[in-house]
Amino acid sequence: MANSTGNFIIGLLSGAAIGAAIGILYAPDKGDATRERLTKRAEDLKEDLDDRFDDLKDYVNETMDDMKEKLADVKEKVSEVKEKAPKKEA
């Protein structure tokens, strides 16, 4: 599910960036003003992507930590069951 969410966010931001660039290019401004606006929008988009990437990275790290804890619990329970199981004699 996290992968599809990441793909959706990337698609959404890409579409927004493309739409903003097209809108700026068709706006009746001088070349310098258009380039300045494109640069500003690109910087804003980069900051937004960086923030979203950091959020996604935090989510993945938290999920991995939760999975490690659950795996440790399972290993502990398996060890307990092994200790309680009757031992086979060779």
PDB file of N, CA and C in Angstrom:
ATOM      1  N   MET A   1       0.822  -1.183   0.000  1.00  0.00           N
ATOM      2  CA  MET A   1       0.000   0.000   0.000  1.00  0.00           C
ATOM      3  C   MET A   1       0.869   1.251   0.000  1.00  0.00           C
ATOM      4  N   ALA A   2       1.985   1.233   0.730  1.00  0.00           N
ATOM      5  CA  ALA A   2       2.859   2.398   0.799  1.00  0.00           C
ATOM      6  C   ALA A   2       3.434   2.720  -0.573  1.00  0.00           C
ATOM      7  N   ASN A   3       3.714   1.680  -1.382  1.00  0.00           N
ATOM      8  CA  ASN A   3       4.257   1.893  -2.711  1.00  0.00           C
ATOM      9  C   ASN A   3       3.259   2.612  -3.591  1.00  0.00           C
ATOM     10  N   SER A   4       1.983   2.210  -3.560  1.00  0.00           N
ATOM     11  CA  SER A   4       0.981   2.869  -4.376  1.00  0.00           C
ATOM     12  C   SER A   4       0.761   4.300  -3.902  1.00  0.00           C
ATOM     13  N   THR A   5       0.859   4.542  -2.596  1.00  0.00           N
ATOM     14  CA  THR A   5       0.732   5.899  -2.073  1.00  0.00           C
ATOM     15  C   THR A   5       1.892   6.757  -2.563  1.00  0.00           C
ATOM     16  N   GLY A   6       3.092   6.220  -2.533  1.00  0.00           N
ATOM     17  CA  GLY A   6       4.265   6.941  -3.028  1.00  0.00           C
ATOM     18  C   GLY A   6       4.140   7.262  -4.508  1.00  0.00           C
ATOM     19  N   ASN A   7       3.663   6.284  -5.296  1.00  0.00           N
ATOM     20  CA  ASN A   7       3.474   6.511  -6.719  1.00  0.00           C
ATOM     21  C   ASN A   7       2.421   7.591  -6.959  1.00  0.00           C
ATOM     22  N   PHE A   8       1.356   7.572  -6.184  1.00  0.00           N
ATOM     23  CA  PHE A   8       0.305   8.573  -6.325  1.00  0.00           C
ATOM     24  C   PHE A   8       0.850   9.964  -6.033  1.00  0.00           C
ATOM     25  N   ILE A   9       1.611  10.089  -4.955  1.00  0.00           N
ATOM     26  CA  ILE A   9       2.173  11.391  -4.582  1.00  0.00           C
ATOM     27  C   ILE A   9       3.116  11.893  -5.663  1.00  0.00           C
ATOM     28  N   ILE A  10       3.955  11.024  -6.185  1.00  0.00           N
ATOM     29  CA  ILE A  10       4.881  11.420  -7.247  1.00  0.00           C
ATOM     30  C   ILE A  10       4.114  11.857  -8.485  1.00  0.00           C
ATOM     31  N   GLY A  11       3.087  11.108  -8.850  1.00  0.00           N
ATOM     32  CA  GLY A  11       2.266  11.475 -10.007  1.00  0.00           C
ATOM     33  C   GLY A  11       1.554  12.795  -9.805  1.00  0.00           C
ATOM     34  N   LEU A  12       1.013  12.981  -8.619  1.00  0.00           N
ATOM     35  CA  LEU A  12       0.310  14.225  -8.312  1.00  0.00           C
ATOM     36  C   LEU A  12       1.245  15.428  -8.387  1.00  0.00           C
ATOM     37  N   LEU A  13       2.412  15.308  -7.776  1.00  0.00           N
ATOM     38  CA  LEU A  13       3.369  16.415  -7.795  1.00  0.00           C
ATOM     39  C   LEU A  13       3.921  16.662  -9.192  1.00  0.00           C
ATOM     40  N   SER A  14       4.154  15.600  -9.946  1.00  0.00           N
ATOM     41  CA  SER A  14       4.633  15.763 -11.321  1.00  0.00           C
ATOM     42  C   SER A  14       3.595  16.497 -12.165  1.00  0.00           C
ATOM     43  N   GLY A  15       2.343  16.098 -12.026  1.00  0.00           N
ATOM     44  CA  GLY A  15       1.273  16.762 -12.764  1.00  0.00           C
ATOM     45  C   GLY A  15       1.150  18.227 -12.382  1.00  0.00           C
ATOM     46  N   ALA A  16       1.275  18.514 -11.097  1.00  0.00           N
ATOM     47  CA  ALA A  16       1.196  19.902 -10.635  1.00  0.00           C
ATOM     48  C   ALA A  16       2.353  20.720 -11.200  1.00  0.00           C
ATOM     49  N   ALA A  17       3.547  20.138 -11.216  1.00  0.00           N
ATOM     50  CA  ALA A  17       4.718  20.847 -11.736  1.00  0.00           C
ATOM     51  C   ALA A  17       4.569  21.117 -13.227  1.00  0.00           C
ATOM     52  N   ILE A  18       4.113  20.131 -13.966  1.00  0.00           N
ATOM     53  CA  ILE A  18       3.927  20.301 -15.406  1.00  0.00           C
ATOM     54  C   ILE A  18       2.856  21.354 -15.679  1.00  0.00           C
ATOM     55  N   GLY A  19       1.759  21.280 -14.950  1.00  0.00           N
ATOM     56  CA  GLY A  19       0.687  22.266 -15.120  1.00  0.00           C
ATOM     57  C   GLY A  19       1.152  23.673 -14.797  1.00  0.00           C
ATOM     58  N   ALA A  20       1.916  23.813 -13.729  1.00  0.00           N
ATOM     59  CA  ALA A  20       2.428  25.135 -13.355  1.00  0.00           C
ATOM     60  C   ALA A  20       3.386  25.661 -14.419  1.00  0.00           C
ATOM     61  N   ALA A  21       4.246  24.811 -14.935  1.00  0.00           N
ATOM     62  CA  ALA A  21       5.208  25.236 -15.959  1.00  0.00           C
ATOM     63  C   ALA A  21       4.486  25.662 -17.229  1.00  0.00           C
ATOM     64  N   ILE A  22       3.488  24.908 -17.648  1.00  0.00           N
ATOM     65  CA  ILE A  22       2.728  25.267 -18.845  1.00  0.00           C
ATOM     66  C   ILE A  22       1.999  26.584 -18.632  1.00  0.00           C
ATOM     67  N   GLY A  23       1.402  26.744 -17.458  1.00  0.00           N
ATOM     68  CA  GLY A  23       0.702  27.989 -17.158  1.00  0.00           C
ATOM     69  C   GLY A  23       1.630  29.188 -17.193  1.00  0.00           C
ATOM     70  N   ILE A  24       2.815  29.037 -16.653  1.00  0.00           N
ATOM     71  CA  ILE A  24       3.781  30.138 -16.646  1.00  0.00           C
ATOM     72  C   ILE A  24       4.272  30.434 -18.062  1.00  0.00           C
ATOM     73  N   LEU A  25       4.512  29.399 -18.834  1.00  0.00           N
ATOM     74  CA  LEU A  25       5.022  29.606 -20.190  1.00  0.00           C
ATOM     75  C   LEU A  25       4.002  30.321 -21.080  1.00  0.00           C
ATOM     76  N   TYR A  26       2.731  30.106 -20.843  1.00  0.00           N
ATOM     77  CA  TYR A  26       1.697  30.761 -21.631  1.00  0.00           C
ATOM     78  C   TYR A  26       1.299  32.123 -21.075  1.00  0.00           C
ATOM     79  N   ALA A  27       1.809  32.480 -19.929  1.00  0.00           N
ATOM     80  CA  ALA A  27       1.491  33.785 -19.335  1.00  0.00           C
ATOM     81  C   ALA A  27       2.210  34.888 -20.110  1.00  0.00           C
ATOM     82  N   PRO A  28       1.567  36.030 -20.263  1.00  0.00           N
ATOM     83  CA  PRO A  28       2.166  37.125 -21.047  1.00  0.00           C
ATOM     84  C   PRO A  28       3.169  37.942 -20.223  1.00  0.00           C
ATOM     85  N   ASP A  29       4.311  37.356 -19.911  1.00  0.00           N
ATOM     86  CA  ASP A  29       5.371  38.036 -19.177  1.00  0.00           C
ATOM     87  C   ASP A  29       6.621  38.091 -20.049  1.00  0.00           C
ATOM     88  N   LYS A  30       7.563  38.933 -19.644  1.00  0.00           N
ATOM     89  CA  LYS A  30       8.862  38.965 -20.312  1.00  0.00           C
ATOM     90  C   LYS A  30       9.623  37.695 -19.967  1.00  0.00           C
ATOM     91  N   GLY A  31      10.615  37.373 -20.765  1.00  0.00           N
ATOM     92  CA  GLY A  31      11.400  36.161 -20.566  1.00  0.00           C
ATOM     93  C   GLY A  31      12.047  36.089 -19.196  1.00  0.00           C
ATOM     94  N   ASP A  32      12.618  37.214 -18.732  1.00  0.00           N
ATOM     95  CA  ASP A  32      13.273  37.230 -17.421  1.00  0.00           C
ATOM     96  C   ASP A  32      12.281  36.923 -16.309  1.00  0.00           C
ATOM     97  N   ALA A  33      11.112  37.541 -16.385  1.00  0.00           N
ATOM     98  CA  ALA A  33      10.097  37.325 -15.351  1.00  0.00           C
ATOM     99  C   ALA A  33       9.606  35.888 -15.383  1.00  0.00           C
ATOM    100  N   THR A  34       9.440  35.339 -16.574  1.00  0.00           N
ATOM    101  CA  THR A  34       8.985  33.949 -16.708  1.00  0.00           C
ATOM    102  C   THR A  34      10.027  32.993 -16.135  1.00  0.00           C
ATOM    103  N   ARG A  35      11.291  33.221 -16.454  1.00  0.00           N
ATOM    104  CA  ARG A  35      12.354  32.356 -15.924  1.00  0.00           C
ATOM    105  C   ARG A  35      12.430  32.455 -14.406  1.00  0.00           C
ATOM    106  N   GLU A  36      12.265  33.663 -13.891  1.00  0.00           N
ATOM    107  CA  GLU A  36      12.299  33.852 -12.446  1.00  0.00           C
ATOM    108  C   GLU A  36      11.144  33.110 -11.776  1.00  0.00           C
ATOM    109  N   ARG A  37       9.964  33.200 -12.363  1.00  0.00           N
ATOM    110  CA  ARG A  37       8.808  32.497 -11.799  1.00  0.00           C
ATOM    111  C   ARG A  37       8.996  30.986 -11.886  1.00  0.00           C
ATOM    112  N   LEU A  38       9.536  30.502 -13.008  1.00  0.00           N
ATOM    113  CA  LEU A  38       9.797  29.063 -13.144  1.00  0.00           C
ATOM    114  C   LEU A  38      10.802  28.591 -12.110  1.00  0.00           C
ATOM    115  N   THR A  39      11.854  29.391 -11.911  1.00  0.00           N
ATOM    116  CA  THR A  39      12.878  29.039 -10.926  1.00  0.00           C
ATOM    117  C   THR A  39      12.271  28.971  -9.533  1.00  0.00           C
ATOM    118  N   LYS A  40      11.449  29.964  -9.189  1.00  0.00           N
ATOM    119  CA  LYS A  40      10.806  29.999  -7.866  1.00  0.00           C
ATOM    120  C   LYS A  40       9.891  28.792  -7.681  1.00  0.00           C
ATOM    121  N   ARG A  41       9.095  28.501  -8.689  1.00  0.00           N
ATOM    122  CA  ARG A  41       8.191  27.346  -8.592  1.00  0.00           C
ATOM    123  C   ARG A  41       8.983  26.041  -8.483  1.00  0.00           C
ATOM    124  N   ALA A  42      10.072  25.936  -9.223  1.00  0.00           N
ATOM    125  CA  ALA A  42      10.898  24.732  -9.158  1.00  0.00           C
ATOM    126  C   ALA A  42      11.500  24.574  -7.760  1.00  0.00           C
ATOM    127  N   GLU A  43      11.960  25.676  -7.179  1.00  0.00           N
ATOM    128  CA  GLU A  43      12.515  25.619  -5.822  1.00  0.00           C
ATOM    129  C   GLU A  43      11.446  25.216  -4.813  1.00  0.00           C
ATOM    130  N   ASP A  44      10.237  25.793  -4.960  1.00  0.00           N
ATOM    131  CA  ASP A  44       9.136  25.436  -4.065  1.00  0.00           C
ATOM    132  C   ASP A  44       8.792  23.955  -4.201  1.00  0.00           C
ATOM    133  N   LEU A  45       8.746  23.475  -5.436  1.00  0.00           N
ATOM    134  CA  LEU A  45       8.436  22.072  -5.681  1.00  0.00           C
ATOM    135  C   LEU A  45       9.511  21.169  -5.088  1.00  0.00           C
ATOM    136  N   LYS A  46      10.780  21.563  -5.245  1.00  0.00           N
ATOM    137  CA  LYS A  46      11.873  20.763  -4.679  1.00  0.00           C
ATOM    138  C   LYS A  46      11.749  20.684  -3.159  1.00  0.00           C
ATOM    139  N   GLU A  47      11.454  21.812  -2.518  1.00  0.00           N
ATOM    140  CA  GLU A  47      11.283  21.809  -1.065  1.00  0.00           C
ATOM    141  C   GLU A  47      10.127  20.913  -0.660  1.00  0.00           C
ATOM    142  N   ASP A  48       9.025  20.988  -1.406  1.00  0.00           N
ATOM    143  CA  ASP A  48       7.858  20.159  -1.107  1.00  0.00           C
ATOM    144  C   ASP A  48       8.197  18.681  -1.279  1.00  0.00           C
ATOM    145  N   LEU A  49       8.897  18.358  -2.366  1.00  0.00           N
ATOM    146  CA  LEU A  49       9.299  16.966  -2.593  1.00  0.00           C
ATOM    147  C   LEU A  49      10.243  16.480  -1.495  1.00  0.00           C
ATOM    148  N   ASP A  50      11.170  17.330  -1.095  1.00  0.00           N
ATOM    149  CA  ASP A  50      12.093  16.964  -0.013  1.00  0.00           C
ATOM    150  C   ASP A  50      11.328  16.670   1.274  1.00  0.00           C
ATOM    151  N   ASP A  51      10.359  17.534   1.591  1.00  0.00           N
ATOM    152  CA  ASP A  51       9.552  17.325   2.798  1.00  0.00           C
ATOM    153  C   ASP A  51       8.764  16.021   2.710  1.00  0.00           C
ATOM    154  N   ARG A  52       8.150  15.789   1.567  1.00  0.00           N
ATOM    155  CA  ARG A  52       7.355  14.561   1.398  1.00  0.00           C
ATOM    156  C   ARG A  52       8.244  13.322   1.425  1.00  0.00           C
ATOM    157  N   PHE A  53       9.426  13.429   0.830  1.00  0.00           N
ATOM    158  CA  PHE A  53      10.357  12.303   0.861  1.00  0.00           C
ATOM    159  C   PHE A  53      10.792  12.011   2.292  1.00  0.00           C
ATOM    160  N   ASP A  54      11.068  13.073   3.056  1.00  0.00           N
ATOM    161  CA  ASP A  54      11.445  12.883   4.465  1.00  0.00           C
ATOM    162  C   ASP A  54      10.307  12.224   5.238  1.00  0.00           C
ATOM    163  N   ASP A  55       9.062  12.648   4.973  1.00  0.00           N
ATOM    164  CA  ASP A  55       7.910  12.031   5.625  1.00  0.00           C
ATOM    165  C   ASP A  55       7.801  10.553   5.256  1.00  0.00           C
ATOM    166  N   LEU A  56       7.988  10.254   3.967  1.00  0.00           N
ATOM    167  CA  LEU A  56       7.919   8.870   3.512  1.00  0.00           C
ATOM    168  C   LEU A  56       9.034   8.040   4.137  1.00  0.00           C
ATOM    169  N   LYS A  57      10.233   8.620   4.207  1.00  0.00           N
ATOM    170  CA  LYS A  57      11.377   7.926   4.813  1.00  0.00           C
ATOM    171  C   LYS A  57      11.104   7.642   6.291  1.00  0.00           C
ATOM    172  N   ASP A  58      10.540   8.620   7.006  1.00  0.00           N
ATOM    173  CA  ASP A  58      10.189   8.418   8.412  1.00  0.00           C
ATOM    174  C   ASP A  58       9.157   7.304   8.559  1.00  0.00           C
ATOM    175  N   TYR A  59       8.159   7.307   7.674  1.00  0.00           N
ATOM    176  CA  TYR A  59       7.120   6.278   7.711  1.00  0.00           C
ATOM    177  C   TYR A  59       7.728   4.894   7.492  1.00  0.00           C
ATOM    178  N   VAL A  60       8.604   4.776   6.511  1.00  0.00           N
ATOM    179  CA  VAL A  60       9.243   3.483   6.217  1.00  0.00           C
ATOM    180  C   VAL A  60      10.095   3.039   7.402  1.00  0.00           C
ATOM    181  N   ASN A  61      10.859   3.967   7.983  1.00  0.00           N
ATOM    182  CA  ASN A  61      11.700   3.617   9.132  1.00  0.00           C
ATOM    183  C   ASN A  61      10.854   3.165  10.321  1.00  0.00           C
ATOM    184  N   GLU A  62       9.755   3.868  10.575  1.00  0.00           N
ATOM    185  CA  GLU A  62       8.869   3.480  11.675  1.00  0.00           C
ATOM    186  C   GLU A  62       8.259   2.108  11.419  1.00  0.00           C
ATOM    187  N   THR A  63       7.853   1.873  10.182  1.00  0.00           N
ATOM    188  CA  THR A  63       7.274   0.578   9.827  1.00  0.00           C
ATOM    189  C   THR A  63       8.300  -0.532  10.000  1.00  0.00           C
ATOM    190  N   MET A  64       9.529  -0.283   9.570  1.00  0.00           N
ATOM    191  CA  MET A  64      10.590  -1.283   9.721  1.00  0.00           C
ATOM    192  C   MET A  64      10.874  -1.551  11.196  1.00  0.00           C
ATOM    193  N   ASP A  65      10.900  -0.505  12.012  1.00  0.00           N
ATOM    194  CA  ASP A  65      11.128  -0.688  13.450  1.00  0.00           C
ATOM    195  C   ASP A  65      10.009  -1.528  14.068  1.00  0.00           C
ATOM    196  N   ASP A  66       8.759  -1.247  13.675  1.00  0.00           N
ATOM    197  CA  ASP A  66       7.629  -2.025  14.180  1.00  0.00           C
ATOM    198  C   ASP A  66       7.755  -3.490  13.763  1.00  0.00           C
ATOM    199  N   MET A  67       8.157  -3.711  12.518  1.00  0.00           N
ATOM    200  CA  MET A  67       8.303  -5.086  12.027  1.00  0.00           C
ATOM    201  C   MET A  67       9.422  -5.810  12.775  1.00  0.00           C
ATOM    202  N   LYS A  68      10.513  -5.113  13.050  1.00  0.00           N
ATOM    203  CA  LYS A  68      11.627  -5.724  13.793  1.00  0.00           C
ATOM    204  C   LYS A  68      11.182  -6.119  15.200  1.00  0.00           C
ATOM    205  N   GLU A  69      10.389  -5.238  15.838  1.00  0.00           N
ATOM    206  CA  GLU A  69       9.886  -5.555  17.181  1.00  0.00           C
ATOM    207  C   GLU A  69       8.975  -6.780  17.143  1.00  0.00           C
ATOM    208  N   LYS A  70       8.091  -6.833  16.165  1.00  0.00           N
ATOM    209  CA  LYS A  70       7.188  -7.980  16.045  1.00  0.00           C
ATOM    210  C   LYS A  70       7.959  -9.259  15.768  1.00  0.00           C
ATOM    211  N   LEU A  71       8.980  -9.171  14.926  1.00  0.00           N
ATOM    212  CA  LEU A  71       9.801 -10.340  14.635  1.00  0.00           C
ATOM    213  C   LEU A  71      10.538 -10.810  15.886  1.00  0.00           C
ATOM    214  N   ALA A  72      11.036  -9.874  16.679  1.00  0.00           N
ATOM    215  CA  ALA A  72      11.718 -10.239  17.923  1.00  0.00           C
ATOM    216  C   ALA A  72      10.735 -10.931  18.873  1.00  0.00           C
ATOM    217  N   ASP A  73       9.484 -10.441  18.934  1.00  0.00           N
ATOM    218  CA  ASP A  73       8.469 -11.075  19.770  1.00  0.00           C
ATOM    219  C   ASP A  73       8.182 -12.499  19.299  1.00  0.00           C
ATOM    220  N   VAL A  74       8.085 -12.673  17.983  1.00  0.00           N
ATOM    221  CA  VAL A  74       7.823 -14.008  17.437  1.00  0.00           C
ATOM    222  C   VAL A  74       8.983 -14.941  17.750  1.00  0.00           C
ATOM    223  N   LYS A  75      10.210 -14.462  17.579  1.00  0.00           N
ATOM    224  CA  LYS A  75      11.384 -15.289  17.886  1.00  0.00           C
ATOM    225  C   LYS A  75      11.380 -15.699  19.353  1.00  0.00           C
ATOM    226  N   GLU A  76      11.030 -14.763  20.221  1.00  0.00           N
ATOM    227  CA  GLU A  76      10.981 -15.060  21.645  1.00  0.00           C
ATOM    228  C   GLU A  76       9.930 -16.126  21.949  1.00  0.00           C
ATOM    229  N   LYS A  77       8.769 -16.014  21.339  1.00  0.00           N
ATOM    230  CA  LYS A  77       7.707 -16.994  21.568  1.00  0.00           C
ATOM    231  C   LYS A  77       8.102 -18.357  21.033  1.00  0.00           C
ATOM    232  N   VAL A  78       8.768 -18.373  19.872  1.00  0.00           N
ATOM    233  CA  VAL A  78       9.230 -19.651  19.314  1.00  0.00           C
ATOM    234  C   VAL A  78      10.237 -20.293  20.255  1.00  0.00           C
ATOM    235  N   SER A  79      11.139 -19.502  20.807  1.00  0.00           N
ATOM    236  CA  SER A  79      12.132 -20.029  21.757  1.00  0.00           C
ATOM    237  C   SER A  79      11.445 -20.595  22.989  1.00  0.00           C
ATOM    238  N   GLU A  80      10.417 -19.906  23.491  1.00  0.00           N
ATOM    239  CA  GLU A  80       9.677 -20.387  24.656  1.00  0.00           C
ATOM    240  C   GLU A  80       8.994 -21.720  24.362  1.00  0.00           C
ATOM    241  N   VAL A  81       8.408 -21.820  23.169  1.00  0.00           N
ATOM    242  CA  VAL A  81       7.731 -23.060  22.792  1.00  0.00           C
ATOM    243  C   VAL A  81       8.750 -24.189  22.671  1.00  0.00           C
ATOM    244  N   LYS A  82       9.912 -23.907  22.096  1.00  0.00           N
ATOM    245  CA  LYS A  82      10.961 -24.921  21.964  1.00  0.00           C
ATOM    246  C   LYS A  82      11.421 -25.403  23.328  1.00  0.00           C
ATOM    247  N   GLU A  83      11.562 -24.486  24.281  1.00  0.00           N
ATOM    248  CA  GLU A  83      12.017 -24.862  25.626  1.00  0.00           C
ATOM    249  C   GLU A  83      10.994 -25.738  26.329  1.00  0.00           C
ATOM    250  N   LYS A  84       9.725 -25.495  26.103  1.00  0.00           N
ATOM    251  CA  LYS A  84       8.657 -26.248  26.761  1.00  0.00           C
ATOM    252  C   LYS A  84       8.387 -27.569  26.076  1.00  0.00           C
ATOM    253  N   ALA A  85       8.781 -27.704  24.829  1.00  0.00           N
ATOM    254  CA  ALA A  85       8.508 -28.930  24.073  1.00  0.00           C
ATOM    255  C   ALA A  85       9.338 -30.067  24.648  1.00  0.00           C
ATOM    256  N   PRO A  86       8.764 -31.261  24.630  1.00  0.00           N
ATOM    257  CA  PRO A  86       9.543 -32.421  25.106  1.00  0.00           C
ATOM    258  C   PRO A  86      10.749 -32.644  24.208  1.00  0.00           C
ATOM    259  N   LYS A  87      11.850 -32.959  24.837  1.00  0.00           N
ATOM    260  CA  LYS A  87      13.104 -33.159  24.108  1.00  0.00           C
ATOM    261  C   LYS A  87      13.150 -34.580  23.571  1.00  0.00           C
ATOM    262  N   LYS A  88      13.633 -34.708  22.331  1.00  0.00           N
ATOM    263  CA  LYS A  88      13.792 -36.018  21.718  1.00  0.00           C
ATOM    264  C   LYS A  88      15.133 -36.575  22.122  1.00  0.00           C
ATOM    265  N   GLU A  89      15.138 -37.821  22.450  1.00  0.00           N
ATOM    266  CA  GLU A  89      16.410 -38.466  22.793  1.00  0.00           C
ATOM    267  C   GLU A  89      16.984 -39.109  21.548  1.00  0.00           C
ATOM    268  N   ALA A  90      18.279 -39.012  21.390  1.00  0.00           N
ATOM    269  CA  ALA A  90      18.928 -39.541  20.183  1.00  0.00           C
ATOM    270  C   ALA A  90      19.260 -40.988  20.315  1.00  0.00           C
TER     271      ALA A  90
END
